Amino acid sequence: MATDPIRGQYETFFQGDFMPLIRHEQTQGAEQRSAYADEFAAYHLGQIDKKLGRLIELLEQGAKLKP
């Protein structure tokens, strides 16, 4: 988790399941909803990228160990 409290709040927020933002009993406009969905998707793609990168490193290490 990040040391910056605002960044930490966003990380916690994006780690949950996707849920459209609702404020004051009203949904946001299409532009705001789209921006939020884009940020949510970008966060999760980054997480997938990190995990795949680590998996590739481990596979490469395993390949080097085999004669």
N, C-alpha and C. Protein backbone atom coordinates (compact mmCIF):
# COMPACT_ATOMS: atom_id res chain seq x y z
N MET A 1 0.86 -1.19 0.00
CA MET A 1 0.00 0.00 0.00
C MET A 1 0.89 1.23 0.00
N ALA A 2 0.44 2.27 -0.62
CA ALA A 2 1.21 3.50 -0.77
C ALA A 2 1.29 4.27 0.54
N THR A 3 2.33 5.10 0.66
CA THR A 3 2.48 5.92 1.86
C THR A 3 1.67 7.20 1.75
N ASP A 4 1.35 7.64 0.54
CA ASP A 4 0.52 8.81 0.32
C ASP A 4 -0.93 8.44 0.63
N PRO A 5 -1.58 9.13 1.58
CA PRO A 5 -2.93 8.73 1.98
C PRO A 5 -3.96 8.79 0.85
N ILE A 6 -3.86 9.76 -0.03
CA ILE A 6 -4.82 9.85 -1.13
C ILE A 6 -4.61 8.69 -2.10
N ARG A 7 -3.36 8.41 -2.42
CA ARG A 7 -3.05 7.28 -3.30
C ARG A 7 -3.52 5.97 -2.65
N GLY A 8 -3.34 5.86 -1.36
CA GLY A 8 -3.80 4.68 -0.63
C GLY A 8 -5.31 4.50 -0.72
N GLN A 9 -6.05 5.60 -0.65
CA GLN A 9 -7.50 5.53 -0.77
C GLN A 9 -7.91 5.03 -2.15
N TYR A 10 -7.23 5.53 -3.18
CA TYR A 10 -7.54 5.08 -4.54
C TYR A 10 -7.21 3.60 -4.71
N GLU A 11 -6.06 3.17 -4.20
CA GLU A 11 -5.69 1.76 -4.32
C GLU A 11 -6.72 0.87 -3.64
N THR A 12 -7.15 1.26 -2.45
CA THR A 12 -8.16 0.50 -1.74
C THR A 12 -9.46 0.48 -2.52
N PHE A 13 -9.83 1.61 -3.06
CA PHE A 13 -11.07 1.74 -3.82
C PHE A 13 -11.06 0.86 -5.06
N PHE A 14 -9.95 0.87 -5.82
CA PHE A 14 -9.88 0.12 -7.06
C PHE A 14 -9.66 -1.38 -6.85
N GLN A 15 -9.23 -1.78 -5.68
CA GLN A 15 -9.02 -3.20 -5.42
C GLN A 15 -10.33 -3.96 -5.26
N GLY A 16 -11.41 -3.26 -5.02
CA GLY A 16 -12.71 -3.91 -4.89
C GLY A 16 -13.32 -4.19 -6.25
N ASP A 17 -14.50 -4.76 -6.25
CA ASP A 17 -15.21 -5.00 -7.49
C ASP A 17 -15.69 -3.69 -8.09
N PHE A 18 -15.86 -3.67 -9.40
CA PHE A 18 -16.33 -2.47 -10.08
C PHE A 18 -17.77 -2.17 -9.66
N MET A 19 -18.01 -0.93 -9.32
CA MET A 19 -19.35 -0.48 -8.96
C MET A 19 -19.48 0.95 -9.43
N PRO A 20 -20.47 1.26 -10.26
CA PRO A 20 -20.63 2.64 -10.71
C PRO A 20 -20.72 3.60 -9.52
N LEU A 21 -20.11 4.76 -9.68
CA LEU A 21 -20.12 5.75 -8.61
C LEU A 21 -21.51 6.37 -8.50
N ILE A 22 -22.03 6.41 -7.30
CA ILE A 22 -23.32 7.05 -7.06
C ILE A 22 -23.11 8.03 -5.92
N ARG A 23 -23.45 9.28 -6.18
CA ARG A 23 -23.31 10.31 -5.16
C ARG A 23 -24.63 11.02 -4.98
N HIS A 24 -25.01 11.24 -3.75
CA HIS A 24 -26.24 11.97 -3.42
C HIS A 24 -27.45 11.38 -4.14
N GLU A 25 -27.51 10.06 -4.15
CA GLU A 25 -28.66 9.35 -4.73
C GLU A 25 -28.81 9.57 -6.24
N GLN A 26 -27.77 10.07 -6.90
CA GLN A 26 -27.83 10.29 -8.34
C GLN A 26 -26.60 9.68 -9.00
N THR A 27 -26.79 9.11 -10.18
CA THR A 27 -25.64 8.62 -10.92
C THR A 27 -24.97 9.80 -11.62
N GLN A 28 -23.72 9.63 -11.95
CA GLN A 28 -22.98 10.67 -12.65
C GLN A 28 -23.31 10.62 -14.13
N GLY A 29 -22.90 11.66 -14.84
CA GLY A 29 -23.10 11.71 -16.28
C GLY A 29 -22.25 10.66 -16.98
N ALA A 30 -22.55 10.42 -18.24
CA ALA A 30 -21.84 9.40 -19.01
C ALA A 30 -20.34 9.66 -19.06
N GLU A 31 -19.94 10.91 -19.18
CA GLU A 31 -18.52 11.23 -19.27
C GLU A 31 -17.77 10.85 -17.99
N GLN A 32 -18.35 11.16 -16.85
CA GLN A 32 -17.72 10.81 -15.57
C GLN A 32 -17.70 9.30 -15.35
N ARG A 33 -18.79 8.63 -15.72
CA ARG A 33 -18.84 7.17 -15.55
C ARG A 33 -17.81 6.50 -16.45
N SER A 34 -17.67 7.00 -17.66
CA SER A 34 -16.69 6.44 -18.60
C SER A 34 -15.26 6.65 -18.08
N ALA A 35 -14.99 7.82 -17.56
CA ALA A 35 -13.65 8.10 -17.02
C ALA A 35 -13.34 7.18 -15.84
N TYR A 36 -14.31 6.97 -14.97
CA TYR A 36 -14.12 6.09 -13.81
C TYR A 36 -13.88 4.66 -14.28
N ALA A 37 -14.69 4.20 -15.25
CA ALA A 37 -14.52 2.83 -15.76
C ALA A 37 -13.14 2.67 -16.41
N ASP A 38 -12.69 3.70 -17.14
CA ASP A 38 -11.37 3.65 -17.76
C ASP A 38 -10.27 3.55 -16.70
N GLU A 39 -10.38 4.34 -15.64
CA GLU A 39 -9.38 4.30 -14.56
C GLU A 39 -9.39 2.94 -13.87
N PHE A 40 -10.58 2.40 -13.65
CA PHE A 40 -10.70 1.10 -12.99
C PHE A 40 -10.05 0.03 -13.86
N ALA A 41 -10.35 0.04 -15.16
CA ALA A 41 -9.77 -0.94 -16.08
C ALA A 41 -8.25 -0.79 -16.15
N ALA A 42 -7.77 0.45 -16.22
CA ALA A 42 -6.34 0.69 -16.30
C ALA A 42 -5.63 0.16 -15.05
N TYR A 43 -6.22 0.38 -13.89
CA TYR A 43 -5.62 -0.13 -12.64
C TYR A 43 -5.49 -1.65 -12.70
N HIS A 44 -6.57 -2.32 -13.10
CA HIS A 44 -6.55 -3.78 -13.11
C HIS A 44 -5.65 -4.34 -14.21
N LEU A 45 -5.56 -3.67 -15.35
CA LEU A 45 -4.61 -4.09 -16.37
C LEU A 45 -3.18 -3.97 -15.87
N GLY A 46 -2.91 -2.93 -15.11
CA GLY A 46 -1.59 -2.78 -14.50
C GLY A 46 -1.28 -3.90 -13.53
N GLN A 47 -2.26 -4.31 -12.75
CA GLN A 47 -2.07 -5.42 -11.82
C GLN A 47 -1.81 -6.72 -12.57
N ILE A 48 -2.56 -6.95 -13.65
CA ILE A 48 -2.35 -8.15 -14.48
C ILE A 48 -0.95 -8.12 -15.09
N ASP A 49 -0.54 -6.96 -15.58
CA ASP A 49 0.78 -6.82 -16.17
C ASP A 49 1.88 -7.16 -15.17
N LYS A 50 1.74 -6.68 -13.94
CA LYS A 50 2.73 -6.99 -12.89
C LYS A 50 2.81 -8.49 -12.64
N LYS A 51 1.66 -9.13 -12.54
CA LYS A 51 1.63 -10.57 -12.26
C LYS A 51 2.19 -11.38 -13.42
N LEU A 52 1.84 -11.01 -14.64
CA LEU A 52 2.38 -11.71 -15.81
C LEU A 52 3.88 -11.51 -15.93
N GLY A 53 4.34 -10.31 -15.62
CA GLY A 53 5.78 -10.05 -15.64
C GLY A 53 6.52 -10.94 -14.67
N ARG A 54 5.96 -11.08 -13.49
CA ARG A 54 6.58 -11.95 -12.47
C ARG A 54 6.53 -13.40 -12.91
N LEU A 55 5.43 -13.84 -13.51
CA LEU A 55 5.30 -15.20 -14.00
C LEU A 55 6.34 -15.49 -15.08
N ILE A 56 6.54 -14.55 -15.98
CA ILE A 56 7.54 -14.72 -17.04
C ILE A 56 8.93 -14.83 -16.44
N GLU A 57 9.24 -14.00 -15.44
CA GLU A 57 10.54 -14.09 -14.78
C GLU A 57 10.76 -15.47 -14.18
N LEU A 58 9.74 -15.99 -13.51
CA LEU A 58 9.86 -17.30 -12.88
C LEU A 58 10.03 -18.41 -13.93
N LEU A 59 9.29 -18.31 -15.03
CA LEU A 59 9.42 -19.30 -16.09
C LEU A 59 10.82 -19.25 -16.72
N GLU A 60 11.35 -18.05 -16.91
CA GLU A 60 12.69 -17.92 -17.47
C GLU A 60 13.73 -18.47 -16.52
N GLN A 61 13.56 -18.24 -15.22
CA GLN A 61 14.48 -18.79 -14.24
C GLN A 61 14.43 -20.32 -14.25
N GLY A 62 13.22 -20.86 -14.36
CA GLY A 62 13.07 -22.32 -14.41
C GLY A 62 13.69 -22.90 -15.66
N ALA A 63 13.59 -22.21 -16.77
CA ALA A 63 14.18 -22.69 -18.03
C ALA A 63 15.70 -22.70 -17.95
N LYS A 64 16.26 -21.75 -17.23
CA LYS A 64 17.72 -21.69 -17.09
C LYS A 64 18.24 -22.83 -16.23
N LEU A 65 17.44 -23.31 -15.30
CA LEU A 65 17.86 -24.38 -14.40
C LEU A 65 17.87 -25.74 -15.08
N LYS A 66 17.05 -25.91 -16.11
CA LYS A 66 16.99 -27.20 -16.82
C LYS A 66 18.18 -27.30 -17.79
N PRO A 67 18.83 -28.47 -17.83
CA PRO A 67 19.98 -28.62 -18.72
C PRO A 67 19.58 -28.74 -20.17
